[in-house]
PDB file of N, CA and C in Angstrom:
ATOM      1  N   UNK A   1     -14.991 -41.833  19.666  1.00  0.00           N
ATOM      2  CA  UNK A   1     -15.945 -42.200  20.740  1.00  0.00           C
ATOM      3  C   UNK A   1     -16.396 -40.727  21.435  1.00  0.00           C
ATOM      4  N   UNK A   2     -17.629 -40.839  21.828  1.00  0.00           N
ATOM      5  CA  UNK A   2     -18.442 -39.566  22.444  1.00  0.00           C
ATOM      6  C   UNK A   2     -18.071 -39.601  24.000  1.00  0.00           C
ATOM      7  N   UNK A   3     -17.633 -38.535  24.402  1.00  0.00           N
ATOM      8  CA  UNK A   3     -17.280 -38.389  25.930  1.00  0.00           C
ATOM      9  C   UNK A   3     -18.151 -37.306  26.442  1.00  0.00           C
ATOM     10  N   UNK A   4     -18.655 -37.451  27.665  1.00  0.00           N
ATOM     11  CA  UNK A   4     -19.094 -36.448  28.595  1.00  0.00           C
ATOM     12  C   UNK A   4     -18.021 -35.670  29.034  1.00  0.00           C
ATOM     13  N   UNK A   5     -18.113 -34.250  29.138  1.00  0.00           N
ATOM     14  CA  UNK A   5     -17.030 -33.370  29.489  1.00  0.00           C
ATOM     15  C   UNK A   5     -17.532 -32.348  30.603  1.00  0.00           C
ATOM     16  N   UNK A   6     -16.662 -31.879  31.390  1.00  0.00           N
ATOM     17  CA  UNK A   6     -16.854 -30.897  32.420  1.00  0.00           C
ATOM     18  C   UNK A   6     -16.659 -29.570  31.910  1.00  0.00           C
ATOM     19  N   UNK A   7     -17.454 -28.689  31.782  1.00  0.00           N
ATOM     20  CA  UNK A   7     -17.223 -27.239  31.311  1.00  0.00           C
ATOM     21  C   UNK A   7     -16.604 -26.437  32.358  1.00  0.00           C
ATOM     22  N   UNK A   8     -15.553 -25.790  31.990  1.00  0.00           N
ATOM     23  CA  UNK A   8     -14.958 -24.843  33.021  1.00  0.00           C
ATOM     24  C   UNK A   8     -15.179 -23.416  32.563  1.00  0.00           C
ATOM     25  N   UNK A   9     -15.864 -22.704  33.378  1.00  0.00           N
ATOM     26  CA  UNK A   9     -16.258 -21.262  32.638  1.00  0.00           C
ATOM     27  C   UNK A   9     -14.984 -20.361  33.212  1.00  0.00           C
ATOM     28  N   UNK A  10     -14.218 -20.076  32.323  1.00  0.00           N
ATOM     29  CA  UNK A  10     -13.085 -19.193  32.568  1.00  0.00           C
ATOM     30  C   UNK A  10     -13.304 -17.961  33.114  1.00  0.00           C
ATOM     31  N   UNK A  11     -14.544 -17.408  32.651  1.00  0.00           N
ATOM     32  CA  UNK A  11     -14.670 -15.932  33.099  1.00  0.00           C
ATOM     33  C   UNK A  11     -15.093 -15.898  34.596  1.00  0.00           C
ATOM     34  N   UNK A  12     -15.279 -16.820  35.309  1.00  0.00           N
ATOM     35  CA  UNK A  12     -15.799 -17.065  36.582  1.00  0.00           C
ATOM     36  C   UNK A  12     -14.537 -17.437  37.622  1.00  0.00           C
ATOM     37  N   UNK A  13     -13.407 -17.789  37.175  1.00  0.00           N
ATOM     38  CA  UNK A  13     -12.151 -18.241  37.732  1.00  0.00           C
ATOM     39  C   UNK A  13     -11.645 -17.026  38.583  1.00  0.00           C
ATOM     40  N   UNK A  14     -11.369 -17.279  39.934  1.00  0.00           N
ATOM     41  CA  UNK A  14     -11.636 -18.611  40.510  1.00  0.00           C
ATOM     42  C   UNK A  14     -12.917 -18.767  41.003  1.00  0.00           C
ATOM     43  N   UNK A  15     -13.525 -19.943  41.050  1.00  0.00           N
ATOM     44  CA  UNK A  15     -14.780 -20.233  41.355  1.00  0.00           C
ATOM     45  C   UNK A  15     -14.796 -21.857  41.778  1.00  0.00           C
ATOM     46  N   UNK A  16     -16.070 -22.181  42.316  1.00  0.00           N
ATOM     47  CA  UNK A  16     -16.139 -23.521  42.858  1.00  0.00           C
ATOM     48  C   UNK A  16     -17.565 -23.681  42.120  1.00  0.00           C
ATOM     49  N   UNK A  17     -17.890 -25.029  42.078  1.00  0.00           N
ATOM     50  CA  UNK A  17     -19.086 -25.754  41.652  1.00  0.00           C
ATOM     51  C   UNK A  17     -19.257 -27.219  42.114  1.00  0.00           C
ATOM     52  N   UNK A  18     -20.528 -27.613  42.282  1.00  0.00           N
ATOM     53  CA  UNK A  18     -20.734 -29.002  42.618  1.00  0.00           C
ATOM     54  C   UNK A  18     -20.928 -29.659  41.242  1.00  0.00           C
ATOM     55  N   UNK A  19     -20.561 -31.051  41.306  1.00  0.00           N
ATOM     56  CA  UNK A  19     -20.660 -31.847  40.172  1.00  0.00           C
ATOM     57  C   UNK A  19     -20.787 -33.398  40.677  1.00  0.00           C
ATOM     58  N   UNK A  20     -21.645 -34.037  39.751  1.00  0.00           N
ATOM     59  CA  UNK A  20     -22.023 -35.505  40.152  1.00  0.00           C
ATOM     60  C   UNK A  20     -21.026 -36.278  39.283  1.00  0.00           C
ATOM     61  N   UNK A  21     -20.219 -37.195  39.917  1.00  0.00           N
ATOM     62  CA  UNK A  21     -19.313 -37.925  39.224  1.00  0.00           C
ATOM     63  C   UNK A  21     -19.477 -39.246  39.785  1.00  0.00           C
ATOM     64  N   UNK A  22     -19.885 -40.140  38.872  1.00  0.00           N
ATOM     65  CA  UNK A  22     -20.355 -41.573  39.101  1.00  0.00           C
ATOM     66  C   UNK A  22     -21.811 -41.328  39.754  1.00  0.00           C
ATOM     67  N   UNK A  23     -21.783 -41.966  41.111  1.00  0.00           N
ATOM     68  CA  UNK A  23     -22.977 -41.609  41.718  1.00  0.00           C
ATOM     69  C   UNK A  23     -22.847 -40.881  43.068  1.00  0.00           C
ATOM     70  N   UNK A  24     -21.816 -40.060  43.096  1.00  0.00           N
ATOM     71  CA  UNK A  24     -21.441 -39.223  44.270  1.00  0.00           C
ATOM     72  C   UNK A  24     -21.325 -37.794  43.774  1.00  0.00           C
ATOM     73  N   UNK A  25     -21.766 -36.903  44.853  1.00  0.00           N
ATOM     74  CA  UNK A  25     -21.455 -35.562  44.482  1.00  0.00           C
ATOM     75  C   UNK A  25     -20.183 -34.933  45.106  1.00  0.00           C
ATOM     76  N   UNK A  26     -19.483 -34.133  44.346  1.00  0.00           N
ATOM     77  CA  UNK A  26     -18.150 -33.625  44.719  1.00  0.00           C
ATOM     78  C   UNK A  26     -18.208 -32.039  44.522  1.00  0.00           C
ATOM     79  N   UNK A  27     -17.338 -31.449  45.012  1.00  0.00           N
ATOM     80  CA  UNK A  27     -17.102 -30.004  44.722  1.00  0.00           C
ATOM     81  C   UNK A  27     -15.637 -29.722  43.958  1.00  0.00           C
ATOM     82  N   UNK A  28     -15.734 -29.027  42.924  1.00  0.00           N
ATOM     83  CA  UNK A  28     -14.375 -28.680  42.400  1.00  0.00           C
ATOM     84  C   UNK A  28     -14.307 -27.294  42.603  1.00  0.00           C
ATOM     85  N   UNK A  29     -13.117 -26.662  42.703  1.00  0.00           N
ATOM     86  CA  UNK A  29     -12.598 -25.307  42.997  1.00  0.00           C
ATOM     87  C   UNK A  29     -11.523 -25.208  41.645  1.00  0.00           C
ATOM     88  N   UNK A  30     -11.792 -24.237  41.008  1.00  0.00           N
ATOM     89  CA  UNK A  30     -11.019 -24.004  39.834  1.00  0.00           C
ATOM     90  C   UNK A  30     -10.152 -22.592  40.056  1.00  0.00           C
ATOM     91  N   UNK A  31      -8.891 -22.624  39.791  1.00  0.00           N
ATOM     92  CA  UNK A  31      -7.976 -21.507  39.928  1.00  0.00           C
ATOM     93  C   UNK A  31      -7.234 -21.515  38.716  1.00  0.00           C
ATOM     94  N   UNK A  32      -6.537 -20.327  38.416  1.00  0.00           N
ATOM     95  CA  UNK A  32      -5.726 -20.220  37.186  1.00  0.00           C
ATOM     96  C   UNK A  32      -4.460 -19.452  37.666  1.00  0.00           C
ATOM     97  N   UNK A  33      -3.283 -19.937  37.070  1.00  0.00           N
ATOM     98  CA  UNK A  33      -2.008 -19.222  37.398  1.00  0.00           C
ATOM     99  C   UNK A  33      -1.673 -18.534  36.218  1.00  0.00           C
ATOM    100  N   UNK A  34      -1.887 -17.250  36.251  1.00  0.00           N
ATOM    101  CA  UNK A  34      -1.813 -16.238  35.125  1.00  0.00           C
ATOM    102  C   UNK A  34      -0.144 -16.067  34.802  1.00  0.00           C
ATOM    103  N   UNK A  35       0.596 -16.253  35.694  1.00  0.00           N
ATOM    104  CA  UNK A  35       2.065 -16.023  35.475  1.00  0.00           C
ATOM    105  C   UNK A  35       2.668 -17.233  34.528  1.00  0.00           C
ATOM    106  N   UNK A  36       2.175 -18.485  34.867  1.00  0.00           N
ATOM    107  CA  UNK A  36       2.608 -19.508  34.051  1.00  0.00           C
ATOM    108  C   UNK A  36       1.535 -20.296  33.202  1.00  0.00           C
ATOM    109  N   UNK A  37       0.380 -19.529  32.979  1.00  0.00           N
ATOM    110  CA  UNK A  37      -0.678 -19.942  32.268  1.00  0.00           C
ATOM    111  C   UNK A  37      -1.100 -21.551  32.406  1.00  0.00           C
ATOM    112  N   UNK A  38      -1.522 -21.754  33.684  1.00  0.00           N
ATOM    113  CA  UNK A  38      -2.116 -23.052  33.845  1.00  0.00           C
ATOM    114  C   UNK A  38      -3.340 -23.146  34.835  1.00  0.00           C
ATOM    115  N   UNK A  39      -3.939 -24.083  34.717  1.00  0.00           N
ATOM    116  CA  UNK A  39      -5.343 -24.233  35.614  1.00  0.00           C
ATOM    117  C   UNK A  39      -4.812 -25.366  36.844  1.00  0.00           C
ATOM    118  N   UNK A  40      -5.579 -25.116  37.995  1.00  0.00           N
ATOM    119  CA  UNK A  40      -5.495 -26.035  38.954  1.00  0.00           C
ATOM    120  C   UNK A  40      -7.060 -26.353  39.520  1.00  0.00           C
ATOM    121  N   UNK A  41      -7.160 -27.487  40.087  1.00  0.00           N
ATOM    122  CA  UNK A  41      -8.459 -28.110  40.642  1.00  0.00           C
ATOM    123  C   UNK A  41      -8.215 -28.490  42.006  1.00  0.00           C
ATOM    124  N   UNK A  42      -9.151 -28.136  42.943  1.00  0.00           N
ATOM    125  CA  UNK A  42      -9.324 -28.656  44.189  1.00  0.00           C
ATOM    126  C   UNK A  42     -10.530 -29.593  43.998  1.00  0.00           C
ATOM    127  N   UNK A  43     -10.362 -30.799  44.818  1.00  0.00           N
ATOM    128  CA  UNK A  43     -11.501 -31.819  44.741  1.00  0.00           C
ATOM    129  C   UNK A  43     -11.747 -31.980  46.263  1.00  0.00           C
ATOM    130  N   UNK A  44     -13.299 -31.554  46.607  1.00  0.00           N
ATOM    131  CA  UNK A  44     -13.770 -31.802  47.793  1.00  0.00           C
ATOM    132  C   UNK A  44     -14.905 -32.763  47.777  1.00  0.00           C
ATOM    133  N   UNK A  45     -15.080 -33.445  48.932  1.00  0.00           N
ATOM    134  CA  UNK A  45     -16.275 -34.350  49.077  1.00  0.00           C
ATOM    135  C   UNK A  45     -16.834 -34.300  50.591  1.00  0.00           C
ATOM    136  N   UNK A  46     -18.180 -33.853  50.662  1.00  0.00           N
ATOM    137  CA  UNK A  46     -18.580 -33.634  52.000  1.00  0.00           C
ATOM    138  C   UNK A  46     -17.902 -32.582  52.838  1.00  0.00           C
ATOM    139  N   UNK A  47     -17.470 -31.643  52.113  1.00  0.00           N
ATOM    140  CA  UNK A  47     -16.521 -30.524  52.973  1.00  0.00           C
ATOM    141  C   UNK A  47     -15.211 -30.768  53.192  1.00  0.00           C
ATOM    142  N   UNK A  48     -14.626 -32.068  52.879  1.00  0.00           N
ATOM    143  CA  UNK A  48     -13.421 -32.607  53.092  1.00  0.00           C
ATOM    144  C   UNK A  48     -12.685 -32.395  51.783  1.00  0.00           C
ATOM    145  N   UNK A  49     -11.509 -31.787  51.991  1.00  0.00           N
ATOM    146  CA  UNK A  49     -10.548 -31.450  50.827  1.00  0.00           C
ATOM    147  C   UNK A  49      -9.770 -32.725  50.614  1.00  0.00           C
ATOM    148  N   UNK A  50     -10.014 -33.396  49.416  1.00  0.00           N
ATOM    149  CA  UNK A  50      -9.242 -34.486  49.070  1.00  0.00           C
ATOM    150  C   UNK A  50      -7.991 -34.134  48.357  1.00  0.00           C
ATOM    151  N   UNK A  51      -8.112 -33.178  47.462  1.00  0.00           N
ATOM    152  CA  UNK A  51      -6.951 -32.879  46.766  1.00  0.00           C
ATOM    153  C   UNK A  51      -6.972 -31.084  46.625  1.00  0.00           C
ATOM    154  N   UNK A  52      -5.743 -30.783  46.853  1.00  0.00           N
ATOM    155  CA  UNK A  52      -5.632 -29.241  46.657  1.00  0.00           C
ATOM    156  C   UNK A  52      -4.505 -28.922  45.643  1.00  0.00           C
ATOM    157  N   UNK A  53      -4.922 -28.107  44.716  1.00  0.00           N
ATOM    158  CA  UNK A  53      -3.968 -27.502  43.856  1.00  0.00           C
ATOM    159  C   UNK A  53      -3.484 -28.520  42.652  1.00  0.00           C
ATOM    160  N   UNK A  54      -4.376 -29.570  42.145  1.00  0.00           N
ATOM    161  CA  UNK A  54      -4.045 -30.425  41.079  1.00  0.00           C
ATOM    162  C   UNK A  54      -3.977 -29.762  39.811  1.00  0.00           C
ATOM    163  N   UNK A  55      -2.701 -29.671  39.319  1.00  0.00           N
ATOM    164  CA  UNK A  55      -2.536 -29.105  37.985  1.00  0.00           C
ATOM    165  C   UNK A  55      -3.368 -29.796  36.784  1.00  0.00           C
ATOM    166  N   UNK A  56      -4.080 -29.217  35.993  1.00  0.00           N
ATOM    167  CA  UNK A  56      -4.582 -29.750  34.800  1.00  0.00           C
ATOM    168  C   UNK A  56      -3.641 -29.843  33.795  1.00  0.00           C
ATOM    169  N   UNK A  57      -3.053 -31.108  33.512  1.00  0.00           N
ATOM    170  CA  UNK A  57      -1.962 -31.296  32.542  1.00  0.00           C
ATOM    171  C   UNK A  57      -2.497 -32.231  31.395  1.00  0.00           C
ATOM    172  N   UNK A  58      -2.222 -31.682  30.109  1.00  0.00           N
ATOM    173  CA  UNK A  58      -2.807 -32.322  28.936  1.00  0.00           C
ATOM    174  C   UNK A  58      -2.635 -33.856  28.783  1.00  0.00           C
ATOM    175  N   UNK A  59      -3.507 -34.626  28.722  1.00  0.00           N
ATOM    176  CA  UNK A  59      -3.474 -36.138  28.647  1.00  0.00           C
ATOM    177  C   UNK A  59      -3.198 -36.895  29.910  1.00  0.00           C
ATOM    178  N   UNK A  60      -3.030 -36.148  31.166  1.00  0.00           N
ATOM    179  CA  UNK A  60      -2.711 -36.710  32.296  1.00  0.00           C
ATOM    180  C   UNK A  60      -4.071 -36.964  33.071  1.00  0.00           C
ATOM    181  N   UNK A  61      -4.623 -38.099  33.413  1.00  0.00           N
ATOM    182  CA  UNK A  61      -5.839 -38.034  34.408  1.00  0.00           C
ATOM    183  C   UNK A  61      -5.667 -37.555  35.513  1.00  0.00           C
ATOM    184  N   UNK A  62      -6.671 -36.569  35.982  1.00  0.00           N
ATOM    185  CA  UNK A  62      -6.708 -35.963  37.087  1.00  0.00           C
ATOM    186  C   UNK A  62      -6.736 -36.790  38.311  1.00  0.00           C
ATOM    187  N   UNK A  63      -6.302 -36.446  39.421  1.00  0.00           N
ATOM    188  CA  UNK A  63      -6.375 -37.332  40.624  1.00  0.00           C
ATOM    189  C   UNK A  63      -5.811 -38.680  40.665  1.00  0.00           C
ATOM    190  N   UNK A  64      -4.869 -38.931  39.403  1.00  0.00           N
ATOM    191  CA  UNK A  64      -4.338 -40.371  39.300  1.00  0.00           C
ATOM    192  C   UNK A  64      -3.295 -40.764  40.471  1.00  0.00           C
ATOM    193  N   UNK A  65      -2.541 -39.971  40.966  1.00  0.00           N
ATOM    194  CA  UNK A  65      -1.515 -40.363  41.859  1.00  0.00           C
ATOM    195  C   UNK A  65      -1.890 -40.427  43.256  1.00  0.00           C
ATOM    196  N   UNK A  66      -3.088 -39.943  43.592  1.00  0.00           N
ATOM    197  CA  UNK A  66      -3.494 -40.127  44.996  1.00  0.00           C
ATOM    198  C   UNK A  66      -5.105 -40.651  44.798  1.00  0.00           C
ATOM    199  N   UNK A  67      -5.354 -41.911  45.313  1.00  0.00           N
ATOM    200  CA  UNK A  67      -6.709 -42.537  44.997  1.00  0.00           C
ATOM    201  C   UNK A  67      -7.015 -43.438  46.263  1.00  0.00           C
ATOM    202  N   UNK A  68      -8.288 -43.215  46.584  1.00  0.00           N
ATOM    203  CA  UNK A  68      -8.857 -44.199  47.637  1.00  0.00           C
ATOM    204  C   UNK A  68     -10.346 -44.286  47.410  1.00  0.00           C
ATOM    205  N   UNK A  69     -11.153 -44.827  48.322  1.00  0.00           N
ATOM    206  CA  UNK A  69     -12.533 -44.892  47.999  1.00  0.00           C
ATOM    207  C   UNK A  69     -13.301 -43.825  47.980  1.00  0.00           C
ATOM    208  N   UNK A  70     -12.870 -42.625  48.432  1.00  0.00           N
ATOM    209  CA  UNK A  70     -13.452 -41.249  48.444  1.00  0.00           C
ATOM    210  C   UNK A  70     -13.354 -40.561  47.262  1.00  0.00           C
ATOM    211  N   UNK A  71     -12.611 -40.992  46.180  1.00  0.00           N
ATOM    212  CA  UNK A  71     -12.336 -40.428  45.016  1.00  0.00           C
ATOM    213  C   UNK A  71     -13.263 -40.807  44.015  1.00  0.00           C
ATOM    214  N   UNK A  72     -13.681 -40.057  42.829  1.00  0.00           N
ATOM    215  CA  UNK A  72     -14.675 -40.318  42.009  1.00  0.00           C
ATOM    216  C   UNK A  72     -14.328 -41.682  41.106  1.00  0.00           C
ATOM    217  N   UNK A  73     -15.464 -42.410  40.865  1.00  0.00           N
ATOM    218  CA  UNK A  73     -15.119 -43.649  40.024  1.00  0.00           C
ATOM    219  C   UNK A  73     -14.802 -43.377  38.655  1.00  0.00           C
ATOM    220  N   UNK A  74     -15.205 -42.269  37.806  1.00  0.00           N
ATOM    221  CA  UNK A  74     -14.879 -42.014  36.502  1.00  0.00           C
ATOM    222  C   UNK A  74     -13.500 -41.452  36.639  1.00  0.00           C
ATOM    223  N   UNK A  75     -12.700 -41.503  35.447  1.00  0.00           N
ATOM    224  CA  UNK A  75     -11.455 -41.088  35.373  1.00  0.00           C
ATOM    225  C   UNK A  75     -11.730 -39.648  34.517  1.00  0.00           C
ATOM    226  N   UNK A  76     -11.127 -38.480  34.851  1.00  0.00           N
ATOM    227  CA  UNK A  76     -11.207 -37.224  34.148  1.00  0.00           C
ATOM    228  C   UNK A  76      -9.808 -37.063  33.504  1.00  0.00           C
ATOM    229  N   UNK A  77      -9.791 -36.786  32.155  1.00  0.00           N
ATOM    230  CA  UNK A  77      -8.638 -36.556  31.397  1.00  0.00           C
ATOM    231  C   UNK A  77      -8.851 -35.392  30.586  1.00  0.00           C
ATOM    232  N   UNK A  78      -7.733 -34.301  30.621  1.00  0.00           N
ATOM    233  CA  UNK A  78      -7.843 -33.152  29.748  1.00  0.00           C
ATOM    234  C   UNK A  78      -7.305 -33.638  28.388  1.00  0.00           C
ATOM    235  N   UNK A  79      -8.414 -33.647  27.244  1.00  0.00           N
ATOM    236  CA  UNK A  79      -7.895 -33.936  26.030  1.00  0.00           C
ATOM    237  C   UNK A  79      -8.752 -33.110  24.807  1.00  0.00           C
ATOM    238  N   UNK A  80      -8.122 -32.901  23.627  1.00  0.00           N
ATOM    239  CA  UNK A  80      -8.601 -32.367  22.569  1.00  0.00           C
ATOM    240  C   UNK A  80      -8.805 -33.476  21.666  1.00  0.00           C
ATOM    241  N   UNK A  81     -10.098 -33.763  21.442  1.00  0.00           N
ATOM    242  CA  UNK A  81     -10.574 -34.643  20.414  1.00  0.00           C
ATOM    243  C   UNK A  81      -9.951 -34.533  19.058  1.00  0.00           C
ATOM    244  N   UNK A  82      -9.471 -33.439  18.633  1.00  0.00           N
ATOM    245  CA  UNK A  82      -9.042 -33.337  17.282  1.00  0.00           C
ATOM    246  C   UNK A  82      -7.448 -33.806  17.225  1.00  0.00           C
ATOM    247  N   UNK A  83      -6.865 -33.792  18.300  1.00  0.00           N
ATOM    248  CA  UNK A  83      -5.512 -34.300  18.661  1.00  0.00           C
ATOM    249  C   UNK A  83      -4.442 -33.245  18.298  1.00  0.00           C
ATOM    250  N   UNK A  84      -4.810 -31.853  18.211  1.00  0.00           N
ATOM    251  CA  UNK A  84      -3.987 -30.806  17.733  1.00  0.00           C
ATOM    252  C   UNK A  84      -3.133 -30.279  18.905  1.00  0.00           C
ATOM    253  N   UNK A  85      -3.795 -30.140  20.100  1.00  0.00           N
ATOM    254  CA  UNK A  85      -3.353 -29.602  21.261  1.00  0.00           C
ATOM    255  C   UNK A  85      -2.421 -30.474  21.898  1.00  0.00           C
ATOM    256  N   UNK A  86      -1.343 -29.924  22.593  1.00  0.00           N
ATOM    257  CA  UNK A  86      -0.431 -30.577  23.477  1.00  0.00           C
ATOM    258  C   UNK A  86      -0.254 -30.308  24.866  1.00  0.00           C
ATOM    259  N   UNK A  87      -0.803 -29.201  25.120  1.00  0.00           N
ATOM    260  CA  UNK A  87      -0.739 -28.553  26.700  1.00  0.00           C
ATOM    261  C   UNK A  87      -2.307 -27.891  26.891  1.00  0.00           C
ATOM    262  N   UNK A  88      -2.609 -27.579  28.069  1.00  0.00           N
ATOM    263  CA  UNK A  88      -3.636 -26.918  28.542  1.00  0.00           C
ATOM    264  C   UNK A  88      -3.250 -25.448  28.655  1.00  0.00           C
ATOM    265  N   UNK A  89      -4.038 -24.653  28.174  1.00  0.00           N
ATOM    266  CA  UNK A  89      -3.776 -23.216  28.523  1.00  0.00           C
ATOM    267  C   UNK A  89      -5.216 -22.254  28.557  1.00  0.00           C
ATOM    268  N   UNK A  90      -5.066 -21.052  28.796  1.00  0.00           N
ATOM    269  CA  UNK A  90      -6.160 -20.237  28.958  1.00  0.00           C
ATOM    270  C   UNK A  90      -6.888 -20.293  27.650  1.00  0.00           C
ATOM    271  N   UNK A  91      -6.255 -20.111  26.545  1.00  0.00           N
ATOM    272  CA  UNK A  91      -6.643 -19.869  25.123  1.00  0.00           C
ATOM    273  C   UNK A  91      -7.527 -21.255  24.715  1.00  0.00           C
ATOM    274  N   UNK A  92      -7.051 -22.469  25.227  1.00  0.00           N
ATOM    275  CA  UNK A  92      -7.680 -23.648  24.787  1.00  0.00           C
ATOM    276  C   UNK A  92      -8.574 -24.433  25.564  1.00  0.00           C
ATOM    277  N   UNK A  93      -8.571 -24.050  27.066  1.00  0.00           N
ATOM    278  CA  UNK A  93      -9.434 -24.849  28.001  1.00  0.00           C
ATOM    279  C   UNK A  93     -10.717 -24.614  27.699  1.00  0.00           C
ATOM    280  N   UNK A  94     -11.674 -25.530  27.485  1.00  0.00           N
ATOM    281  CA  UNK A  94     -13.180 -25.435  27.285  1.00  0.00           C
ATOM    282  C   UNK A  94     -13.348 -24.694  25.806  1.00  0.00           C
ATOM    283  N   UNK A  95     -12.511 -24.629  24.997  1.00  0.00           N
ATOM    284  CA  UNK A  95     -12.282 -24.204  23.564  1.00  0.00           C
ATOM    285  C   UNK A  95     -12.028 -25.476  22.802  1.00  0.00           C
ATOM    286  N   UNK A  96     -11.011 -26.080  22.820  1.00  0.00           N
ATOM    287  CA  UNK A  96     -10.594 -27.183  22.244  1.00  0.00           C
ATOM    288  C   UNK A  96     -10.106 -28.311  23.088  1.00  0.00           C
ATOM    289  N   UNK A  97      -9.617 -27.979  24.259  1.00  0.00           N
ATOM    290  CA  UNK A  97      -9.185 -28.980  25.401  1.00  0.00           C
ATOM    291  C   UNK A  97     -10.330 -28.991  26.258  1.00  0.00           C
ATOM    292  N   UNK A  98     -10.853 -30.230  26.527  1.00  0.00           N
ATOM    293  CA  UNK A  98     -11.881 -30.532  27.621  1.00  0.00           C
ATOM    294  C   UNK A  98     -11.621 -31.484  28.520  1.00  0.00           C
ATOM    295  N   UNK A  99     -12.190 -31.327  29.725  1.00  0.00           N
ATOM    296  CA  UNK A  99     -12.066 -32.303  30.814  1.00  0.00           C
ATOM    297  C   UNK A  99     -13.162 -33.381  30.542  1.00  0.00           C
ATOM    298  N   UNK A 100     -12.389 -34.514  29.872  1.00  0.00           N
ATOM    299  CA  UNK A 100     -13.475 -35.623  29.446  1.00  0.00           C
ATOM    300  C   UNK A 100     -13.537 -36.670  30.652  1.00  0.00           C
ATOM    301  N   UNK A 101     -14.853 -36.921  30.750  1.00  0.00           N
ATOM    302  CA  UNK A 101     -15.224 -37.816  31.907  1.00  0.00           C
ATOM    303  C   UNK A 101     -15.237 -39.227  31.223  1.00  0.00           C
ATOM    304  N   UNK A 102     -14.190 -40.194  31.684  1.00  0.00           N
ATOM    305  CA  UNK A 102     -14.453 -41.555  31.148  1.00  0.00           C
ATOM    306  C   UNK A 102     -14.801 -42.516  32.176  1.00  0.00           C
ATOM    307  N   UNK A 103     -15.901 -43.218  32.017  1.00  0.00           N
ATOM    308  CA  UNK A 103     -16.297 -44.096  33.112  1.00  0.00           C
ATOM    309  C   UNK A 103     -15.651 -45.376  32.780  1.00  0.00           C
ATOM    310  N   UNK A 104     -15.356 -46.154  33.885  1.00  0.00           N
ATOM    311  CA  UNK A 104     -14.605 -47.277  33.747  1.00  0.00           C
ATOM    312  C   UNK A 104     -14.866 -48.368  32.637  1.00  0.00           C
ATOM    313  N   UNK A 105     -16.175 -48.416  32.631  1.00  0.00           N
ATOM    314  CA  UNK A 105     -16.685 -49.395  31.515  1.00  0.00           C
ATOM    315  C   UNK A 105     -16.407 -48.861  30.077  1.00  0.00           C
ATOM    316  N   UNK A 106     -16.149 -47.458  29.986  1.00  0.00           N
ATOM    317  CA  UNK A 106     -15.771 -46.853  28.529  1.00  0.00           C
ATOM    318  C   UNK A 106     -14.286 -47.183  28.262  1.00  0.00           C
ATOM    319  N   UNK A 107     -13.274 -47.452  29.397  1.00  0.00           N
ATOM    320  CA  UNK A 107     -12.000 -47.502  29.121  1.00  0.00           C
ATOM    321  C   UNK A 107     -11.510 -48.848  28.291  1.00  0.00           C
TER     322      UNK A 107
END
């Protein structure tokens, strides 16, 4: 199956960018914890912080534990299409592991 993915530009971390998810615009802030080798995302909509410090965990949909009508309609899941990776790290994010955007009708 062919998925759209969100590119993370590691050389810019920490940074923020706007993105359209579904039919709405959001802002994502990307951070990296060098000591423990993991990334986090903050999700904002219209300047309101919806989620702060969501850890990007392999195979686990982002923002899945907290959800209301302000959250994006598509699901975002960190995955490696080859199936070789089992975690998200500096070495593999946006190399072999991508933030896959899955629309509800694709699930």
